[in-house]
Amino acid sequence: MTEQKYVTFGAVGDINLARPGDECMRRHGAAWPFQNMFGALREADLLFGNMESVILPTDYPQEEIDPKGLLSRYDSSVALKEAGFDILNLAQNHILDAGACGMFHTQQVIEATGVMTAGIGRTQAEARQMRVLEKGGLRFGFLCYCEDSNYTLGTTGPCHAYYTRENVLTDIERWRRDVDVLVVSIHADLEFMPTPSVPRRQIMREAARAGATLVLGHHPHVPQGMERVGDALVVYSLGNFIFNSHSWDYMRNHLPHTARSFLLLAEVERGKVGAVRRVPFAIQPDPDERPALMVGAQKQQMLAYLDELDRMAADDEVVQRNWRQIALRHLTWKLNEARQLNRDDLLVETLGRLLLVQENRNWMEEVLAAVKENWDRQASVIDPLHRPHYAMERREKQDSTSMQ
């Protein structure tokens, strides 16, 4: 019997088994959300996914349920097992939607089925621990992180592992020699972007160069491109897998891409990624709202779009332009929100979040870069008859008139 030279590693994006999926599982059985994808999922020798919802304990108080949380009383752990998952990332921004109670209950019921989880803990040291699986003669290590966000607000209590450049690179250096294949999962960035942010692309590339074999992105809710960095593979976003993309306004407003993505299948050897396939699927319209494989012309169009996303992710100008645009868009939204607040709420709520929460600090730094560029242009203006600011205003008016 010849020894297999590689392991087929499979990965999918965000899995939300809260509403309305939990009701569908009650009616049709736990396997229902995944049934159309069983054949493709079983091509993977080792299957990884991002668990985006929380399973509530049976005694969780009804009056304490957050109506905006991704929460379910239905124990969907058996569904994840039946779908073939070996390990799930729990380092995601909704993991505390039911507090530490819901977080650890979700971990407990999933792991009771034999599916491993990663990325959470009572302390940051615990959350950052590498989880290890052996498959096909290879030892796989998993490090999972999520950006401090408006959901976690820098809590020092039980939480997911915080995504920072220092944490990621320190942990890779610590663990990379202990495994044959190191998988790093990063749940971060602004949502619905076709390309990663400038800082996240840089950190994911650095992670690959530092010793990660696969670097996987989650949270944008749409697919993004991938690229090889040496022998490693960086996938910037796996998009949605199980999600109410059609019935939830928040997702429906960004169709079609919130309902289209791919299953990643990568042939992995020791410290190296070989052949890679992307298997496109589409989340079906409401009320079905579960993924099904694309075929024919639809499949070919999606593969062409994914190739275009690869080109966009590698293009510095495109990535920078997209990042600048969405950062300035977020600034506009926040300024509009601030107009509704009194001074105390502005200090505690908006300014606290903008200045101290990493999710916001990243795009605020891009806003600051835009401000600095404008400031530098103003500083270079010399007008012997007027103060600099007045001269700058005159130049902007002239430029505006010439463009009309």
Protein backbone atom coordinates (compact mmCIF):
# COMPACT_ATOMS: atom_id res chain seq x y z
CA MET A 1 0.00 0.00 0.00
CA THR A 2 1.53 3.31 -1.08
CA GLU A 3 1.52 6.20 1.36
CA GLN A 4 -0.61 9.20 0.35
CA LYS A 5 1.65 12.13 -0.46
CA TYR A 6 -0.80 14.85 0.50
CA VAL A 7 -3.93 15.59 2.51
CA THR A 8 -6.88 17.37 0.89
CA PHE A 9 -7.63 20.30 3.17
CA GLY A 10 -11.11 21.79 2.87
CA ALA A 11 -12.32 25.13 4.19
CA VAL A 12 -15.53 27.14 4.08
CA GLY A 13 -16.53 30.54 5.38
CA ASP A 14 -19.14 31.81 7.82
CA ILE A 15 -21.66 29.33 9.25
CA ASN A 16 -24.71 30.87 10.90
CA LEU A 17 -26.96 28.16 12.34
CA ALA A 18 -29.20 30.61 14.18
CA ARG A 19 -32.41 31.98 12.68
CA PRO A 20 -33.87 30.82 10.34
CA GLY A 21 -31.62 27.79 9.98
CA ASP A 22 -32.41 26.45 13.43
CA GLU A 23 -36.14 26.29 12.61
CA CYS A 24 -35.38 24.47 9.36
CA MET A 25 -33.26 21.93 11.24
CA ARG A 26 -36.13 21.33 13.68
CA ARG A 27 -38.49 20.61 10.79
CA HIS A 28 -36.21 18.75 8.39
CA GLY A 29 -33.40 17.31 10.53
CA ALA A 30 -29.99 18.49 11.66
CA ALA A 31 -28.24 17.74 8.37
CA TRP A 32 -30.65 19.89 6.32
CA PRO A 33 -28.45 23.05 5.89
CA PHE A 34 -25.56 21.05 4.44
CA GLN A 35 -27.34 18.37 2.39
CA ASN A 36 -26.75 19.92 -1.06
CA MET A 37 -23.02 20.16 -0.32
CA PHE A 38 -22.37 16.73 1.21
CA GLY A 39 -20.65 15.31 -1.87
CA ALA A 40 -18.26 18.24 -2.27
CA LEU A 41 -17.52 18.52 1.47
CA ARG A 42 -16.56 14.86 1.62
CA GLU A 43 -13.80 15.42 -0.91
CA ALA A 44 -11.85 16.96 1.99
CA ASP A 45 -9.76 14.71 4.21
CA LEU A 46 -9.78 17.49 6.83
CA LEU A 47 -12.55 20.10 6.89
CA PHE A 48 -12.38 23.53 8.54
CA GLY A 49 -15.06 26.21 8.92
CA ASN A 50 -15.90 29.40 10.76
CA MET A 51 -18.74 28.95 13.28
CA GLU A 52 -20.47 32.34 13.25
CA SER A 53 -23.35 31.66 15.67
CA VAL A 54 -23.81 30.67 19.32
CA ILE A 55 -25.69 27.66 20.70
CA LEU A 56 -27.60 28.65 23.83
CA PRO A 57 -27.81 26.50 26.97
CA THR A 58 -31.34 25.21 27.59
CA ASP A 59 -31.57 27.24 30.81
CA TYR A 60 -30.45 30.55 29.26
CA PRO A 61 -33.01 33.18 30.43
CA GLN A 62 -35.43 34.14 27.68
CA GLU A 63 -35.52 37.76 28.84
CA GLU A 64 -31.73 38.03 28.46
CA ILE A 65 -31.64 37.02 24.79
CA ASP A 66 -30.17 39.74 22.57
CA PRO A 67 -32.55 40.11 19.60
CA LYS A 68 -29.61 41.17 17.42
CA GLY A 69 -27.45 38.23 18.44
CA LEU A 70 -26.75 35.21 16.24
CA LEU A 71 -28.22 32.82 18.82
CA SER A 72 -30.08 29.51 18.77
CA ARG A 73 -31.47 27.14 21.37
CA TYR A 74 -31.28 24.32 18.83
CA ASP A 75 -28.20 22.17 19.39
CA SER A 76 -26.72 22.22 15.89
CA SER A 77 -23.51 20.46 16.91
CA VAL A 78 -24.69 17.17 15.41
CA ALA A 79 -25.26 18.97 12.10
CA LEU A 80 -21.64 20.12 12.04
CA LYS A 81 -20.47 16.59 12.76
CA GLU A 82 -22.68 15.12 10.04
CA ALA A 83 -21.37 17.68 7.56
CA GLY A 84 -17.87 16.34 8.16
CA PHE A 85 -16.16 19.18 9.99
CA ASP A 86 -13.01 18.28 11.88
CA ILE A 87 -12.33 21.70 13.40
CA LEU A 88 -14.20 25.00 13.71
CA ASN A 89 -12.97 28.49 14.38
CA LEU A 90 -14.85 30.13 17.28
CA ALA A 91 -12.77 33.32 17.23
CA GLN A 92 -15.46 35.52 15.70
CA ASN A 93 -17.17 38.76 16.65
CA HIS A 94 -20.52 37.15 17.63
CA ILE A 95 -19.00 34.63 20.06
CA LEU A 96 -20.00 36.73 23.11
CA ASP A 97 -23.57 37.41 21.92
CA ALA A 98 -24.68 35.33 24.92
CA GLY A 99 -21.69 36.17 27.10
CA ALA A 100 -19.07 33.74 28.34
CA CYS A 101 -21.89 31.34 29.22
CA GLY A 102 -22.98 30.98 25.60
CA MET A 103 -19.42 30.91 24.30
CA PHE A 104 -18.29 28.02 26.45
CA HIS A 105 -21.55 26.11 25.99
CA THR A 106 -21.08 26.31 22.22
CA GLN A 107 -17.55 24.97 22.57
CA GLN A 108 -18.66 22.21 24.92
CA VAL A 109 -21.49 20.80 22.78
CA ILE A 110 -19.45 20.94 19.57
CA GLU A 111 -16.44 19.22 21.10
CA ALA A 112 -18.70 16.57 22.66
CA THR A 113 -19.39 15.36 19.09
CA GLY A 114 -15.67 14.94 18.39
CA VAL A 115 -15.28 18.16 16.38
CA MET A 116 -12.40 20.32 17.63
CA THR A 117 -12.70 24.08 18.20
CA ALA A 118 -10.09 26.81 18.40
CA GLY A 119 -9.61 30.48 19.19
CA ILE A 120 -11.38 31.10 22.52
CA GLY A 121 -10.45 30.91 26.17
CA ARG A 122 -10.82 32.25 29.69
CA THR A 123 -7.63 34.24 29.13
CA GLN A 124 -5.79 35.44 26.07
CA ALA A 125 -3.04 32.90 26.73
CA GLU A 126 -5.63 30.12 26.64
CA ALA A 127 -7.40 31.49 23.55
CA ARG A 128 -4.10 31.72 21.65
CA GLN A 129 -3.16 28.09 22.26
CA MET A 130 -2.54 26.09 19.10
CA ARG A 131 -4.95 23.19 18.53
CA VAL A 132 -3.49 20.11 16.82
CA LEU A 133 -5.04 17.45 14.59
CA GLU A 134 -3.32 14.56 12.81
CA LYS A 135 -4.53 13.50 9.39
CA GLY A 136 -2.94 11.36 6.70
CA GLY A 137 0.38 11.24 8.51
CA LEU A 138 0.58 15.03 8.82
CA ARG A 139 0.35 17.03 12.02
CA PHE A 140 -1.88 20.10 11.54
CA GLY A 141 -1.78 23.09 13.90
CA PHE A 142 -4.51 25.74 14.06
CA LEU A 143 -4.20 29.31 15.36
CA CYS A 144 -7.41 31.35 15.27
CA TYR A 145 -7.90 35.07 15.92
CA CYS A 146 -10.59 37.73 15.74
CA GLU A 147 -10.14 41.49 15.71
CA ASP A 148 -11.25 43.44 18.78
CA SER A 149 -14.53 44.90 17.59
CA ASN A 150 -17.63 46.86 18.56
CA TYR A 151 -18.91 43.55 19.97
CA THR A 152 -16.00 42.89 22.35
CA LEU A 153 -14.79 46.44 23.20
CA GLY A 154 -11.40 45.27 24.41
CA THR A 155 -12.72 43.02 27.18
CA THR A 156 -10.05 41.50 29.41
CA GLY A 157 -12.40 38.65 30.39
CA PRO A 158 -13.11 35.38 28.55
CA CYS A 159 -13.09 36.05 24.82
CA HIS A 160 -11.64 35.06 21.47
CA ALA A 161 -7.93 35.44 20.79
CA TYR A 162 -7.27 39.02 19.72
CA TYR A 163 -5.94 39.50 16.22
CA THR A 164 -2.94 41.80 16.17
CA ARG A 165 0.18 41.65 14.06
CA GLU A 166 2.28 41.01 17.17
CA ASN A 167 0.06 38.17 18.40
CA VAL A 168 -0.04 36.42 15.05
CA LEU A 169 3.67 36.61 14.31
CA THR A 170 4.69 35.76 17.88
CA ASP A 171 2.48 32.67 17.92
CA ILE A 172 3.66 31.49 14.50
CA GLU A 173 7.26 31.73 15.66
CA ARG A 174 6.38 29.84 18.84
CA TRP A 175 4.47 26.95 17.25
CA ARG A 176 5.51 26.50 13.61
CA ARG A 177 8.23 23.92 14.30
CA ASP A 178 5.83 21.69 16.24
CA VAL A 179 3.59 20.86 13.28
CA ASP A 180 3.85 19.89 9.62
CA VAL A 181 1.10 22.23 8.47
CA LEU A 182 0.22 25.46 10.26
CA VAL A 183 -3.20 26.98 9.55
CA VAL A 184 -3.86 30.57 10.66
CA SER A 185 -7.44 31.87 10.68
CA ILE A 186 -8.05 35.63 10.85
CA HIS A 187 -11.56 37.03 11.44
CA ALA A 188 -11.21 40.74 10.75
CA ASP A 189 -11.68 43.77 8.53
CA LEU A 190 -14.64 45.78 7.29
CA GLU A 191 -17.50 43.90 5.67
CA PHE A 192 -18.63 43.54 2.04
CA MET A 193 -15.34 44.68 0.48
CA PRO A 194 -14.15 42.90 -2.71
CA THR A 195 -10.53 43.28 -1.56
CA PRO A 196 -8.82 43.10 1.84
CA SER A 197 -7.75 46.21 3.67
CA VAL A 198 -4.18 47.33 3.18
CA PRO A 199 -3.10 46.40 6.75
CA ARG A 200 -4.80 42.98 6.75
CA ARG A 201 -3.30 42.01 3.40
CA GLN A 202 0.12 42.96 4.73
CA ILE A 203 -0.26 40.96 7.96
CA MET A 204 -1.62 37.89 6.18
CA ARG A 205 1.31 37.97 3.77
CA GLU A 206 3.70 38.34 6.70
CA ALA A 207 2.07 35.36 8.41
CA ALA A 208 2.70 33.24 5.33
CA ARG A 209 6.32 34.34 5.12
CA ALA A 210 6.78 33.68 8.85
CA GLY A 211 5.83 30.00 8.56
CA ALA A 212 2.06 29.59 8.17
CA THR A 213 1.11 27.11 5.46
CA LEU A 214 -2.46 28.36 5.00
CA VAL A 215 -3.75 31.79 6.05
CA LEU A 216 -7.55 32.02 5.91
CA GLY A 217 -9.72 35.14 6.18
CA HIS A 218 -13.26 35.46 7.53
CA HIS A 219 -15.77 38.22 8.36
CA PRO A 220 -16.21 40.27 5.14
CA HIS A 221 -19.26 38.06 4.27
CA VAL A 222 -18.25 38.12 0.61
CA PRO A 223 -15.49 36.20 -1.17
CA GLN A 224 -12.15 37.84 -1.78
CA GLY A 225 -9.13 36.74 -3.78
CA MET A 226 -6.29 34.42 -2.89
CA GLU A 227 -2.59 34.33 -3.69
CA ARG A 228 0.46 32.17 -3.12
CA VAL A 229 3.23 33.49 -0.93
CA GLY A 230 6.17 31.14 -1.40
CA ASP A 231 4.90 27.64 -0.61
CA ALA A 232 1.97 29.01 1.39
CA LEU A 233 -1.55 29.97 0.33
CA VAL A 234 -3.35 33.12 1.53
CA VAL A 235 -7.14 33.24 1.10
CA TYR A 236 -8.37 36.72 2.00
CA SER A 237 -12.04 35.85 2.58
CA LEU A 238 -14.04 32.64 2.26
CA GLY A 239 -17.32 34.58 2.33
CA ASN A 240 -20.58 33.12 3.63
CA PHE A 241 -21.35 29.39 3.67
CA ILE A 242 -24.52 28.94 5.74
CA PHE A 243 -26.20 32.33 6.12
CA ASN A 244 -29.58 34.01 5.73
CA SER A 245 -28.26 36.10 2.87
CA HIS A 246 -31.67 36.70 1.28
CA SER A 247 -34.01 37.13 4.25
CA TRP A 248 -31.83 39.41 6.40
CA ASP A 249 -31.73 43.00 5.12
CA TYR A 250 -28.15 43.44 6.29
CA MET A 251 -27.01 40.68 3.91
CA ARG A 252 -29.66 41.19 1.20
CA ASN A 253 -28.46 44.77 0.67
CA HIS A 254 -25.14 43.36 -0.54
CA LEU A 255 -26.36 40.62 -2.87
CA PRO A 256 -25.33 38.81 -4.98
CA HIS A 257 -21.92 38.33 -3.37
CA THR A 258 -23.22 37.64 0.17
CA ALA A 259 -24.94 34.57 -1.34
CA ARG A 260 -22.06 33.33 -3.52
CA SER A 261 -18.74 31.87 -2.51
CA PHE A 262 -16.68 28.69 -2.70
CA LEU A 263 -15.41 25.61 -0.93
CA LEU A 264 -11.61 25.63 -0.86
CA LEU A 265 -9.93 22.27 -1.56
CA ALA A 266 -6.14 22.34 -1.29
CA GLU A 267 -3.64 19.51 -1.58
CA VAL A 268 -1.35 20.04 1.39
CA GLU A 269 2.04 18.48 2.07
CA ARG A 270 4.49 19.20 4.85
CA GLY A 271 4.84 23.00 4.93
CA LYS A 272 3.54 23.34 1.38
CA VAL A 273 0.31 23.83 -0.54
CA GLY A 274 0.10 22.07 -3.89
CA ALA A 275 -2.87 22.04 -6.26
CA VAL A 276 -5.85 24.18 -5.26
CA ARG A 277 -9.49 24.08 -6.37
CA ARG A 278 -12.36 26.42 -5.62
CA VAL A 279 -15.80 24.79 -5.77
CA PRO A 280 -18.40 27.55 -6.31
CA PHE A 281 -21.81 27.47 -4.65
CA ALA A 282 -24.78 29.78 -4.25
CA ILE A 283 -27.00 30.19 -1.20
CA GLN A 284 -30.51 29.60 -2.52
CA PRO A 285 -33.26 32.23 -2.18
CA ASP A 286 -35.60 32.30 0.79
CA PRO A 287 -37.14 30.05 2.11
CA ASP A 288 -34.54 27.41 1.16
CA GLU A 289 -31.50 29.57 1.96
CA ARG A 290 -28.86 26.87 1.99
CA PRO A 291 -25.84 26.44 -0.30
CA ALA A 292 -26.02 24.43 -3.51
CA LEU A 293 -23.29 23.76 -6.05
CA MET A 294 -23.15 25.98 -9.11
CA VAL A 295 -23.15 24.22 -12.47
CA GLY A 296 -22.79 25.12 -16.11
CA ALA A 297 -22.54 28.75 -17.13
CA GLN A 298 -23.21 30.00 -13.60
CA LYS A 299 -20.21 28.02 -12.32
CA GLN A 300 -17.94 29.32 -15.07
CA GLN A 301 -19.01 32.92 -14.43
CA MET A 302 -18.27 32.52 -10.74
CA LEU A 303 -14.85 31.01 -11.39
CA ALA A 304 -14.06 33.94 -13.70
CA TYR A 305 -15.16 36.36 -10.98
CA LEU A 306 -12.93 34.60 -8.42
CA ASP A 307 -9.99 34.91 -10.85
CA GLU A 308 -10.74 38.64 -11.10
CA LEU A 309 -10.75 38.89 -7.29
CA ASP A 310 -7.28 37.28 -7.30
CA ARG A 311 -6.02 39.96 -9.69
CA MET A 312 -7.59 42.70 -7.59
CA ALA A 313 -6.03 41.38 -4.35
CA ALA A 314 -2.57 41.45 -5.97
CA ASP A 315 -3.00 44.99 -7.33
CA ASP A 316 -1.64 47.55 -4.86
CA GLU A 317 -3.49 50.45 -6.48
CA VAL A 318 -6.87 48.69 -6.42
CA VAL A 319 -6.48 47.51 -2.81
CA GLN A 320 -5.42 51.00 -1.66
CA ARG A 321 -8.22 52.74 -3.56
CA ASN A 322 -10.92 50.40 -2.19
CA TRP A 323 -9.59 50.74 1.34
CA ARG A 324 -9.53 54.54 1.15
CA GLN A 325 -13.09 54.67 -0.20
CA ILE A 326 -14.62 52.45 2.45
CA ALA A 327 -12.69 54.19 5.26
CA LEU A 328 -14.07 57.58 4.20
CA ARG A 329 -17.55 56.06 3.85
CA HIS A 330 -17.38 54.81 7.44
CA LEU A 331 -16.28 58.26 8.59
CA THR A 332 -19.41 59.74 6.98
CA TRP A 333 -21.63 57.18 8.74
CA LYS A 334 -20.02 57.87 12.10
CA LEU A 335 -20.31 61.63 11.71
CA ASN A 336 -24.01 61.24 10.93
CA GLU A 337 -24.45 59.08 14.04
CA ALA A 338 -22.54 61.58 16.19
CA ARG A 339 -24.99 64.35 15.32
CA GLN A 340 -27.66 62.48 17.29
CA LEU A 341 -25.59 62.20 20.49
CA ASN A 342 -25.07 64.46 23.49
CA ARG A 343 -21.55 65.25 24.67
CA ASP A 344 -21.32 62.46 27.26
CA ASP A 345 -22.54 59.79 24.84
CA LEU A 346 -20.18 61.12 22.21
CA LEU A 347 -17.21 60.81 24.57
CA VAL A 348 -18.07 57.38 25.92
CA GLU A 349 -19.67 55.76 22.91
CA THR A 350 -18.52 57.10 19.54
CA LEU A 351 -15.09 58.53 20.39
CA GLY A 352 -14.25 55.63 22.69
CA ARG A 353 -15.03 53.12 19.96
CA LEU A 354 -13.29 55.09 17.21
CA LEU A 355 -10.08 55.68 19.13
CA LEU A 356 -9.73 52.50 21.18
CA VAL A 357 -11.39 49.58 19.33
CA GLN A 358 -9.02 47.96 16.84
CA GLU A 359 -11.74 47.35 14.23
CA ASN A 360 -12.27 51.13 14.01
CA ARG A 361 -8.71 52.23 14.59
CA ASN A 362 -7.62 50.50 11.37
CA TRP A 363 -9.92 52.47 9.10
CA MET A 364 -9.44 55.63 11.18
CA GLU A 365 -5.72 55.39 10.44
CA GLU A 366 -6.58 55.35 6.72
CA VAL A 367 -8.78 58.43 7.24
CA LEU A 368 -5.84 60.09 9.00
CA ALA A 369 -3.63 59.24 6.03
CA ALA A 370 -6.14 60.96 3.72
CA VAL A 371 -6.21 64.00 6.02
CA LYS A 372 -2.40 64.11 6.08
CA GLU A 373 -2.23 64.03 2.28
CA ASN A 374 -4.61 67.00 2.06
CA TRP A 375 -2.68 68.80 4.80
CA ASP A 376 0.61 68.31 2.98
CA ARG A 377 -0.88 69.73 -0.22
CA GLN A 378 -2.10 72.75 1.71
CA ALA A 379 1.33 73.25 3.28
CA SER A 380 2.92 73.42 -0.18
CA VAL A 381 0.67 76.28 -1.34
CA ILE A 382 2.40 79.68 -1.43
CA ASP A 383 0.33 82.80 -2.10
CA PRO A 384 1.98 86.18 -1.44
CA LEU A 385 -1.42 87.90 -1.12
CA HIS A 386 -3.33 85.55 1.21
CA ARG A 387 -2.96 83.24 4.21
CA PRO A 388 -2.35 79.56 3.28
CA HIS A 389 -5.86 78.33 4.10
CA TYR A 390 -7.48 81.05 1.97
CA ALA A 391 -5.15 80.25 -0.91
CA MET A 392 -5.99 76.55 -0.62
CA GLU A 393 -9.72 77.29 -0.79
CA ARG A 394 -9.21 79.40 -3.94
CA ARG A 395 -7.25 76.58 -5.59
CA GLU A 396 -9.93 74.00 -4.74
CA LYS A 397 -12.65 76.25 -6.21
CA GLN A 398 -10.60 76.72 -9.39
CA ASP A 399 -10.05 72.96 -9.70
CA SER A 400 -13.77 72.35 -9.18
CA THR A 401 -14.73 74.89 -11.83
CA SER A 402 -12.29 73.47 -14.37
CA MET A 403 -13.82 69.99 -13.92
CA GLN A 404 -17.36 71.16 -14.71
